[in-house]
Amino acid sequence: VFLALLLMVASGLFYLAMNGNLLAIIVMASVWTICCV
């Protein structure tokens, strides 16, 4: 359930980022950076 919710949130952020939402882009970049580190 947690994994499904996480994927839904990630999909929503990706959708918003593709539409040019700056906050979604910043959040996705931050999460990606944290995951890489």
PDB file of all heavy atoms in Angstrom:
ATOM      1  N   VAL A   1       0.842  -1.196   0.000  1.00  0.00           N
ATOM      2  CA  VAL A   1       0.000   0.000   0.000  1.00  0.00           C
ATOM      3  C   VAL A   1       0.880   1.250   0.000  1.00  0.00           C
ATOM      4  O   VAL A   1       0.646   2.195  -0.754  1.00  0.00           O
ATOM      5  CB  VAL A   1      -0.963  -0.007   1.211  1.00  0.00           C
ATOM      6  CG1 VAL A   1      -1.650   1.333   1.381  1.00  0.00           C
ATOM      7  CG2 VAL A   1      -1.984  -1.119   1.061  1.00  0.00           C
ATOM      8  N   PHE A   2       1.908   1.254   0.850  1.00  0.00           N
ATOM      9  CA  PHE A   2       2.829   2.378   0.899  1.00  0.00           C
ATOM     10  C   PHE A   2       3.528   2.573  -0.446  1.00  0.00           C
ATOM     11  O   PHE A   2       3.655   3.697  -0.933  1.00  0.00           O
ATOM     12  CB  PHE A   2       3.868   2.160   2.004  1.00  0.00           C
ATOM     13  CG  PHE A   2       4.921   3.222   2.055  1.00  0.00           C
ATOM     14  CD1 PHE A   2       4.630   4.477   2.552  1.00  0.00           C
ATOM     15  CD2 PHE A   2       6.203   2.969   1.596  1.00  0.00           C
ATOM     16  CE1 PHE A   2       5.594   5.471   2.594  1.00  0.00           C
ATOM     17  CE2 PHE A   2       7.168   3.950   1.628  1.00  0.00           C
ATOM     18  CZ  PHE A   2       6.863   5.205   2.135  1.00  0.00           C
ATOM     19  N   LEU A   3       3.951   1.470  -1.060  1.00  0.00           N
ATOM     20  CA  LEU A   3       4.625   1.560  -2.359  1.00  0.00           C
ATOM     21  C   LEU A   3       3.680   2.106  -3.429  1.00  0.00           C
ATOM     22  O   LEU A   3       4.073   2.940  -4.246  1.00  0.00           O
ATOM     23  CB  LEU A   3       5.158   0.190  -2.770  1.00  0.00           C
ATOM     24  CG  LEU A   3       6.023   0.145  -4.021  1.00  0.00           C
ATOM     25  CD1 LEU A   3       7.269   0.983  -3.825  1.00  0.00           C
ATOM     26  CD2 LEU A   3       6.378  -1.269  -4.377  1.00  0.00           C
ATOM     27  N   ALA A   4       2.430   1.664  -3.412  1.00  0.00           N
ATOM     28  CA  ALA A   4       1.456   2.154  -4.385  1.00  0.00           C
ATOM     29  C   ALA A   4       1.203   3.657  -4.189  1.00  0.00           C
ATOM     30  O   ALA A   4       1.142   4.413  -5.162  1.00  0.00           O
ATOM     31  CB  ALA A   4       0.150   1.375  -4.256  1.00  0.00           C
ATOM     32  N   LEU A   5       1.063   4.084  -2.938  1.00  0.00           N
ATOM     33  CA  LEU A   5       0.870   5.514  -2.670  1.00  0.00           C
ATOM     34  C   LEU A   5       2.087   6.326  -3.093  1.00  0.00           C
ATOM     35  O   LEU A   5       1.954   7.411  -3.668  1.00  0.00           O
ATOM     36  CB  LEU A   5       0.583   5.734  -1.180  1.00  0.00           C
ATOM     37  CG  LEU A   5      -0.780   5.258  -0.684  1.00  0.00           C
ATOM     38  CD1 LEU A   5      -0.854   5.381   0.832  1.00  0.00           C
ATOM     39  CD2 LEU A   5      -1.880   6.053  -1.351  1.00  0.00           C
ATOM     40  N   LEU A   6       3.272   5.787  -2.840  1.00  0.00           N
ATOM     41  CA  LEU A   6       4.494   6.466  -3.237  1.00  0.00           C
ATOM     42  C   LEU A   6       4.569   6.613  -4.764  1.00  0.00           C
ATOM     43  O   LEU A   6       4.929   7.673  -5.274  1.00  0.00           O
ATOM     44  CB  LEU A   6       5.701   5.695  -2.718  1.00  0.00           C
ATOM     45  CG  LEU A   6       7.058   6.356  -2.848  1.00  0.00           C
ATOM     46  CD1 LEU A   6       7.110   7.622  -2.002  1.00  0.00           C
ATOM     47  CD2 LEU A   6       8.143   5.399  -2.429  1.00  0.00           C
ATOM     48  N   LEU A   7       4.197   5.566  -5.481  1.00  0.00           N
ATOM     49  CA  LEU A   7       4.196   5.635  -6.940  1.00  0.00           C
ATOM     50  C   LEU A   7       3.156   6.626  -7.458  1.00  0.00           C
ATOM     51  O   LEU A   7       3.398   7.332  -8.446  1.00  0.00           O
ATOM     52  CB  LEU A   7       3.959   4.251  -7.535  1.00  0.00           C
ATOM     53  CG  LEU A   7       5.142   3.290  -7.443  1.00  0.00           C
ATOM     54  CD1 LEU A   7       4.731   1.899  -7.897  1.00  0.00           C
ATOM     55  CD2 LEU A   7       6.315   3.793  -8.249  1.00  0.00           C
ATOM     56  N   MET A   8       2.006   6.690  -6.795  1.00  0.00           N
ATOM     57  CA  MET A   8       0.988   7.652  -7.201  1.00  0.00           C
ATOM     58  C   MET A   8       1.463   9.090  -6.988  1.00  0.00           C
ATOM     59  O   MET A   8       1.274   9.950  -7.853  1.00  0.00           O
ATOM     60  CB  MET A   8      -0.322   7.408  -6.435  1.00  0.00           C
ATOM     61  CG  MET A   8      -1.116   6.222  -6.936  1.00  0.00           C
ATOM     62  SD  MET A   8      -2.726   6.119  -6.157  1.00  0.00           S
ATOM     63  CE  MET A   8      -2.371   4.948  -4.874  1.00  0.00           C
ATOM     64  N   VAL A   9       2.100   9.342  -5.849  1.00  0.00           N
ATOM     65  CA  VAL A   9       2.621  10.686  -5.587  1.00  0.00           C
ATOM     66  C   VAL A   9       3.710  11.029  -6.596  1.00  0.00           C
ATOM     67  O   VAL A   9       3.747  12.142  -7.134  1.00  0.00           O
ATOM     68  CB  VAL A   9       3.146  10.788  -4.130  1.00  0.00           C
ATOM     69  CG1 VAL A   9       3.933  12.064  -3.915  1.00  0.00           C
ATOM     70  CG2 VAL A   9       1.990  10.701  -3.148  1.00  0.00           C
ATOM     71  N   ALA A  10       4.590  10.073  -6.883  1.00  0.00           N
ATOM     72  CA  ALA A  10       5.655  10.308  -7.856  1.00  0.00           C
ATOM     73  C   ALA A  10       5.067  10.574  -9.242  1.00  0.00           C
ATOM     74  O   ALA A  10       5.533  11.454  -9.966  1.00  0.00           O
ATOM     75  CB  ALA A  10       6.605   9.122  -7.894  1.00  0.00           C
ATOM     76  N   SER A  11       4.041   9.825  -9.596  1.00  0.00           N
ATOM     77  CA  SER A  11       3.397  10.048 -10.893  1.00  0.00           C
ATOM     78  C   SER A  11       2.758  11.426 -10.960  1.00  0.00           C
ATOM     79  O   SER A  11       2.857  12.122 -11.983  1.00  0.00           O
ATOM     80  CB  SER A  11       2.329   8.982 -11.148  1.00  0.00           C
ATOM     81  OG  SER A  11       2.902   7.708 -11.175  1.00  0.00           O
ATOM     82  N   GLY A  12       2.103  11.832  -9.885  1.00  0.00           N
ATOM     83  CA  GLY A  12       1.490  13.158  -9.838  1.00  0.00           C
ATOM     84  C   GLY A  12       2.531  14.264  -9.944  1.00  0.00           C
ATOM     85  O   GLY A  12       2.345  15.245 -10.670  1.00  0.00           O
ATOM     86  N   LEU A  13       3.645  14.098  -9.220  1.00  0.00           N
ATOM     87  CA  LEU A  13       4.714  15.090  -9.302  1.00  0.00           C
ATOM     88  C   LEU A  13       5.299  15.139 -10.708  1.00  0.00           C
ATOM     89  O   LEU A  13       5.591  16.213 -11.237  1.00  0.00           O
ATOM     90  CB  LEU A  13       5.817  14.772  -8.295  1.00  0.00           C
ATOM     91  CG  LEU A  13       5.563  15.180  -6.851  1.00  0.00           C
ATOM     92  CD1 LEU A  13       6.670  14.655  -5.959  1.00  0.00           C
ATOM     93  CD2 LEU A  13       5.454  16.687  -6.734  1.00  0.00           C
ATOM     94  N   PHE A  14       5.472  13.986 -11.313  1.00  0.00           N
ATOM     95  CA  PHE A  14       6.008  13.937 -12.676  1.00  0.00           C
ATOM     96  C   PHE A  14       5.061  14.634 -13.651  1.00  0.00           C
ATOM     97  O   PHE A  14       5.491  15.394 -14.517  1.00  0.00           O
ATOM     98  CB  PHE A  14       6.241  12.481 -13.094  1.00  0.00           C
ATOM     99  CG  PHE A  14       6.881  12.345 -14.434  1.00  0.00           C
ATOM    100  CD1 PHE A  14       8.222  12.620 -14.613  1.00  0.00           C
ATOM    101  CD2 PHE A  14       6.133  11.951 -15.533  1.00  0.00           C
ATOM    102  CE1 PHE A  14       8.818  12.506 -15.859  1.00  0.00           C
ATOM    103  CE2 PHE A  14       6.720  11.835 -16.783  1.00  0.00           C
ATOM    104  CZ  PHE A  14       8.065  12.113 -16.944  1.00  0.00           C
ATOM    105  N   TYR A  15       3.767  14.383 -13.483  1.00  0.00           N
ATOM    106  CA  TYR A  15       2.771  15.019 -14.352  1.00  0.00           C
ATOM    107  C   TYR A  15       2.814  16.541 -14.187  1.00  0.00           C
ATOM    108  O   TYR A  15       2.814  17.279 -15.172  1.00  0.00           O
ATOM    109  CB  TYR A  15       1.376  14.478 -14.026  1.00  0.00           C
ATOM    110  CG  TYR A  15       0.275  15.169 -14.784  1.00  0.00           C
ATOM    111  CD1 TYR A  15       0.054  14.888 -16.122  1.00  0.00           C
ATOM    112  CD2 TYR A  15      -0.538  16.119 -14.164  1.00  0.00           C
ATOM    113  CE1 TYR A  15      -0.953  15.528 -16.834  1.00  0.00           C
ATOM    114  CE2 TYR A  15      -1.546  16.766 -14.857  1.00  0.00           C
ATOM    115  CZ  TYR A  15      -1.750  16.461 -16.193  1.00  0.00           C
ATOM    116  OH  TYR A  15      -2.734  17.097 -16.898  1.00  0.00           O
ATOM    117  N   LEU A  16       2.845  16.995 -12.941  1.00  0.00           N
ATOM    118  CA  LEU A  16       2.894  18.438 -12.696  1.00  0.00           C
ATOM    119  C   LEU A  16       4.195  19.046 -13.222  1.00  0.00           C
ATOM    120  O   LEU A  16       4.199  20.151 -13.764  1.00  0.00           O
ATOM    121  CB  LEU A  16       2.745  18.729 -11.204  1.00  0.00           C
ATOM    122  CG  LEU A  16       1.361  18.452 -10.609  1.00  0.00           C
ATOM    123  CD1 LEU A  16       1.406  18.602  -9.088  1.00  0.00           C
ATOM    124  CD2 LEU A  16       0.327  19.380 -11.215  1.00  0.00           C
ATOM    125  N   ALA A  17       5.313  18.324 -13.049  1.00  0.00           N
ATOM    126  CA  ALA A  17       6.585  18.839 -13.536  1.00  0.00           C
ATOM    127  C   ALA A  17       6.598  18.928 -15.058  1.00  0.00           C
ATOM    128  O   ALA A  17       7.161  19.860 -15.628  1.00  0.00           O
ATOM    129  CB  ALA A  17       7.729  17.948 -13.051  1.00  0.00           C
ATOM    130  N   MET A  18       5.971  17.970 -15.721  1.00  0.00           N
ATOM    131  CA  MET A  18       5.915  18.000 -17.185  1.00  0.00           C
ATOM    132  C   MET A  18       5.072  19.170 -17.676  1.00  0.00           C
ATOM    133  O   MET A  18       5.277  19.667 -18.786  1.00  0.00           O
ATOM    134  CB  MET A  18       5.353  16.682 -17.738  1.00  0.00           C
ATOM    135  CG  MET A  18       6.272  15.500 -17.541  1.00  0.00           C
ATOM    136  SD  MET A  18       7.869  15.694 -18.327  1.00  0.00           S
ATOM    137  CE  MET A  18       7.406  15.666 -20.041  1.00  0.00           C
ATOM    138  N   ASN A  19       4.137  19.636 -16.855  1.00  0.00           N
ATOM    139  CA  ASN A  19       3.300  20.779 -17.226  1.00  0.00           C
ATOM    140  C   ASN A  19       3.921  22.103 -16.802  1.00  0.00           C
ATOM    141  O   ASN A  19       3.290  23.146 -16.924  1.00  0.00           O
ATOM    142  CB  ASN A  19       1.900  20.638 -16.620  1.00  0.00           C
ATOM    143  CG  ASN A  19       1.112  19.556 -17.312  1.00  0.00           C
ATOM    144  OD1 ASN A  19       1.307  19.302 -18.500  1.00  0.00           O
ATOM    145  ND2 ASN A  19       0.226  18.912 -16.578  1.00  0.00           N
ATOM    146  N   GLY A  20       5.155  22.060 -16.274  1.00  0.00           N
ATOM    147  CA  GLY A  20       5.859  23.293 -15.975  1.00  0.00           C
ATOM    148  C   GLY A  20       5.675  23.817 -14.565  1.00  0.00           C
ATOM    149  O   GLY A  20       6.027  24.963 -14.292  1.00  0.00           O
ATOM    150  N   ASN A  21       5.144  23.032 -13.652  1.00  0.00           N
ATOM    151  CA  ASN A  21       4.977  23.460 -12.268  1.00  0.00           C
ATOM    152  C   ASN A  21       6.353  23.498 -11.600  1.00  0.00           C
ATOM    153  O   ASN A  21       6.997  22.466 -11.400  1.00  0.00           O
ATOM    154  CB  ASN A  21       4.033  22.511 -11.532  1.00  0.00           C
ATOM    155  CG  ASN A  21       3.682  23.003 -10.151  1.00  0.00           C
ATOM    156  OD1 ASN A  21       4.453  23.712  -9.522  1.00  0.00           O
ATOM    157  ND2 ASN A  21       2.500  22.631  -9.692  1.00  0.00           N
ATOM    158  N   LEU A  22       6.805  24.694 -11.253  1.00  0.00           N
ATOM    159  CA  LEU A  22       8.141  24.875 -10.705  1.00  0.00           C
ATOM    160  C   LEU A  22       8.306  24.176  -9.361  1.00  0.00           C
ATOM    161  O   LEU A  22       9.350  23.563  -9.095  1.00  0.00           O
ATOM    162  CB  LEU A  22       8.455  26.369 -10.569  1.00  0.00           C
ATOM    163  CG  LEU A  22       9.857  26.718 -10.112  1.00  0.00           C
ATOM    164  CD1 LEU A  22      10.887  26.201 -11.101  1.00  0.00           C
ATOM    165  CD2 LEU A  22       9.995  28.217  -9.929  1.00  0.00           C
ATOM    166  N   LEU A  23       7.309  24.218  -8.511  1.00  0.00           N
ATOM    167  CA  LEU A  23       7.398  23.561  -7.200  1.00  0.00           C
ATOM    168  C   LEU A  23       7.552  22.052  -7.360  1.00  0.00           C
ATOM    169  O   LEU A  23       8.354  21.434  -6.660  1.00  0.00           O
ATOM    170  CB  LEU A  23       6.154  23.893  -6.362  1.00  0.00           C
ATOM    171  CG  LEU A  23       6.142  23.315  -4.948  1.00  0.00           C
ATOM    172  CD1 LEU A  23       7.325  23.852  -4.148  1.00  0.00           C
ATOM    173  CD2 LEU A  23       4.842  23.634  -4.256  1.00  0.00           C
ATOM    174  N   ALA A  24       6.814  21.463  -8.291  1.00  0.00           N
ATOM    175  CA  ALA A  24       6.930  20.024  -8.529  1.00  0.00           C
ATOM    176  C   ALA A  24       8.324  19.670  -9.046  1.00  0.00           C
ATOM    177  O   ALA A  24       8.895  18.644  -8.664  1.00  0.00           O
ATOM    178  CB  ALA A  24       5.869  19.553  -9.508  1.00  0.00           C
ATOM    179  N   ILE A  25       8.880  20.527  -9.893  1.00  0.00           N
ATOM    180  CA  ILE A  25      10.228  20.280 -10.415  1.00  0.00           C
ATOM    181  C   ILE A  25      11.249  20.331  -9.281  1.00  0.00           C
ATOM    182  O   ILE A  25      12.136  19.474  -9.183  1.00  0.00           O
ATOM    183  CB  ILE A  25      10.564  21.310 -11.517  1.00  0.00           C
ATOM    184  CG1 ILE A  25       9.673  21.089 -12.738  1.00  0.00           C
ATOM    185  CG2 ILE A  25      12.038  21.235 -11.903  1.00  0.00           C
ATOM    186  CD1 ILE A  25       9.758  22.182 -13.786  1.00  0.00           C
ATOM    187  N   ILE A  26      11.112  21.314  -8.391  1.00  0.00           N
ATOM    188  CA  ILE A  26      12.040  21.447  -7.266  1.00  0.00           C
ATOM    189  C   ILE A  26      11.924  20.252  -6.330  1.00  0.00           C
ATOM    190  O   ILE A  26      12.938  19.700  -5.882  1.00  0.00           O
ATOM    191  CB  ILE A  26      11.791  22.773  -6.523  1.00  0.00           C
ATOM    192  CG1 ILE A  26      12.186  23.953  -7.408  1.00  0.00           C
ATOM    193  CG2 ILE A  26      12.536  22.818  -5.196  1.00  0.00           C
ATOM    194  CD1 ILE A  26      11.779  25.302  -6.864  1.00  0.00           C
ATOM    195  N   VAL A  27      10.696  19.831  -6.034  1.00  0.00           N
ATOM    196  CA  VAL A  27      10.489  18.682  -5.150  1.00  0.00           C
ATOM    197  C   VAL A  27      11.078  17.423  -5.769  1.00  0.00           C
ATOM    198  O   VAL A  27      11.772  16.645  -5.102  1.00  0.00           O
ATOM    199  CB  VAL A  27       8.985  18.499  -4.826  1.00  0.00           C
ATOM    200  CG1 VAL A  27       8.735  17.168  -4.132  1.00  0.00           C
ATOM    201  CG2 VAL A  27       8.490  19.642  -3.963  1.00  0.00           C
ATOM    202  N   MET A  28      10.834  17.203  -7.068  1.00  0.00           N
ATOM    203  CA  MET A  28      11.371  16.011  -7.725  1.00  0.00           C
ATOM    204  C   MET A  28      12.896  16.036  -7.741  1.00  0.00           C
ATOM    205  O   MET A  28      13.540  15.010  -7.505  1.00  0.00           O
ATOM    206  CB  MET A  28      10.827  15.886  -9.140  1.00  0.00           C
ATOM    207  CG  MET A  28       9.401  15.369  -9.178  1.00  0.00           C
ATOM    208  SD  MET A  28       8.826  15.051 -10.836  1.00  0.00           S
ATOM    209  CE  MET A  28       9.937  13.782 -11.379  1.00  0.00           C
ATOM    210  N   ALA A  29      13.490  17.194  -7.994  1.00  0.00           N
ATOM    211  CA  ALA A  29      14.947  17.300  -8.005  1.00  0.00           C
ATOM    212  C   ALA A  29      15.518  17.036  -6.616  1.00  0.00           C
ATOM    213  O   ALA A  29      16.539  16.356  -6.475  1.00  0.00           O
ATOM    214  CB  ALA A  29      15.366  18.679  -8.512  1.00  0.00           C
ATOM    215  N   SER A  30      14.846  17.541  -5.590  1.00  0.00           N
ATOM    216  CA  SER A  30      15.306  17.326  -4.219  1.00  0.00           C
ATOM    217  C   SER A  30      15.229  15.852  -3.836  1.00  0.00           C
ATOM    218  O   SER A  30      16.175  15.303  -3.263  1.00  0.00           O
ATOM    219  CB  SER A  30      14.470  18.151  -3.241  1.00  0.00           C
ATOM    220  OG  SER A  30      14.576  19.518  -3.534  1.00  0.00           O
ATOM    221  N   VAL A  31      14.117  15.234  -4.154  1.00  0.00           N
ATOM    222  CA  VAL A  31      13.950  13.804  -3.832  1.00  0.00           C
ATOM    223  C   VAL A  31      14.970  12.973  -4.589  1.00  0.00           C
ATOM    224  O   VAL A  31      15.575  12.044  -4.034  1.00  0.00           O
ATOM    225  CB  VAL A  31      12.501  13.354  -4.130  1.00  0.00           C
ATOM    226  CG1 VAL A  31      12.376  11.848  -4.054  1.00  0.00           C
ATOM    227  CG2 VAL A  31      11.531  14.024  -3.171  1.00  0.00           C
ATOM    228  N   TRP A  32      15.178  13.280  -5.862  1.00  0.00           N
ATOM    229  CA  TRP A  32      16.145  12.539  -6.668  1.00  0.00           C
ATOM    230  C   TRP A  32      17.556  12.699  -6.099  1.00  0.00           C
ATOM    231  O   TRP A  32      18.311  11.723  -6.019  1.00  0.00           O
ATOM    232  CB  TRP A  32      16.090  13.010  -8.117  1.00  0.00           C
ATOM    233  CG  TRP A  32      17.033  12.280  -9.014  1.00  0.00           C
ATOM    234  CD1 TRP A  32      18.133  12.787  -9.597  1.00  0.00           C
ATOM    235  CD2 TRP A  32      16.954  10.915  -9.404  1.00  0.00           C
ATOM    236  NE1 TRP A  32      18.754  11.814 -10.342  1.00  0.00           N
ATOM    237  CE2 TRP A  32      18.057  10.660 -10.240  1.00  0.00           C
ATOM    238  CE3 TRP A  32      16.066   9.884  -9.123  1.00  0.00           C
ATOM    239  CZ2 TRP A  32      18.286   9.401 -10.800  1.00  0.00           C
ATOM    240  CZ3 TRP A  32      16.303   8.643  -9.686  1.00  0.00           C
ATOM    241  CH2 TRP A  32      17.387   8.406 -10.511  1.00  0.00           C
ATOM    242  N   THR A  33      17.908  13.908  -5.670  1.00  0.00           N
ATOM    243  CA  THR A  33      19.228  14.149  -5.082  1.00  0.00           C
ATOM    244  C   THR A  33      19.405  13.362  -3.796  1.00  0.00           C
ATOM    245  O   THR A  33      20.449  12.729  -3.579  1.00  0.00           O
ATOM    246  CB  THR A  33      19.415  15.657  -4.803  1.00  0.00           C
ATOM    247  OG1 THR A  33      19.259  16.369  -6.035  1.00  0.00           O
ATOM    248  CG2 THR A  33      20.761  15.949  -4.201  1.00  0.00           C
ATOM    249  N   ILE A  34      18.395  13.379  -2.947  1.00  0.00           N
ATOM    250  CA  ILE A  34      18.457  12.630  -1.689  1.00  0.00           C
ATOM    251  C   ILE A  34      18.601  11.138  -1.965  1.00  0.00           C
ATOM    252  O   ILE A  34      19.392  10.447  -1.317  1.00  0.00           O
ATOM    253  CB  ILE A  34      17.225  12.929  -0.819  1.00  0.00           C
ATOM    254  CG1 ILE A  34      17.295  14.368  -0.312  1.00  0.00           C
ATOM    255  CG2 ILE A  34      17.109  11.955   0.344  1.00  0.00           C
ATOM    256  CD1 ILE A  34      16.013  14.865   0.331  1.00  0.00           C
ATOM    257  N   CYS A  35      17.866  10.620  -2.927  1.00  0.00           N
ATOM    258  CA  CYS A  35      17.954   9.188  -3.271  1.00  0.00           C
ATOM    259  C   CYS A  35      19.341   8.823  -3.786  1.00  0.00           C
ATOM    260  O   CYS A  35      19.883   7.772  -3.423  1.00  0.00           O
ATOM    261  CB  CYS A  35      16.894   8.820  -4.297  1.00  0.00           C
ATOM    262  SG  CYS A  35      15.222   8.816  -3.649  1.00  0.00           S
ATOM    263  N   CYS A  36      19.922   9.677  -4.614  1.00  0.00           N
ATOM    264  CA  CYS A  36      21.263   9.405  -5.146  1.00  0.00           C
ATOM    265  C   CYS A  36      22.310   9.419  -4.039  1.00  0.00           C
ATOM    266  O   CYS A  36      23.182   8.541  -3.984  1.00  0.00           O
ATOM    267  CB  CYS A  36      21.617  10.406  -6.232  1.00  0.00           C
ATOM    268  SG  CYS A  36      20.716  10.161  -7.763  1.00  0.00           S
ATOM    269  N   VAL A  37      22.233  10.398  -3.146  1.00  0.00           N
ATOM    270  CA  VAL A  37      23.181  10.478  -2.038  1.00  0.00           C
ATOM    271  C   VAL A  37      23.020   9.274  -1.118  1.00  0.00           C
ATOM    272  O   VAL A  37      24.005   8.669  -0.672  1.00  0.00           O
ATOM    273  CB  VAL A  37      23.009  11.803  -1.264  1.00  0.00           C
ATOM    274  CG1 VAL A  37      23.782  11.799   0.038  1.00  0.00           C
ATOM    275  CG2 VAL A  37      23.419  12.970  -2.137  1.00  0.00           C
TER     276      VAL A  37
END
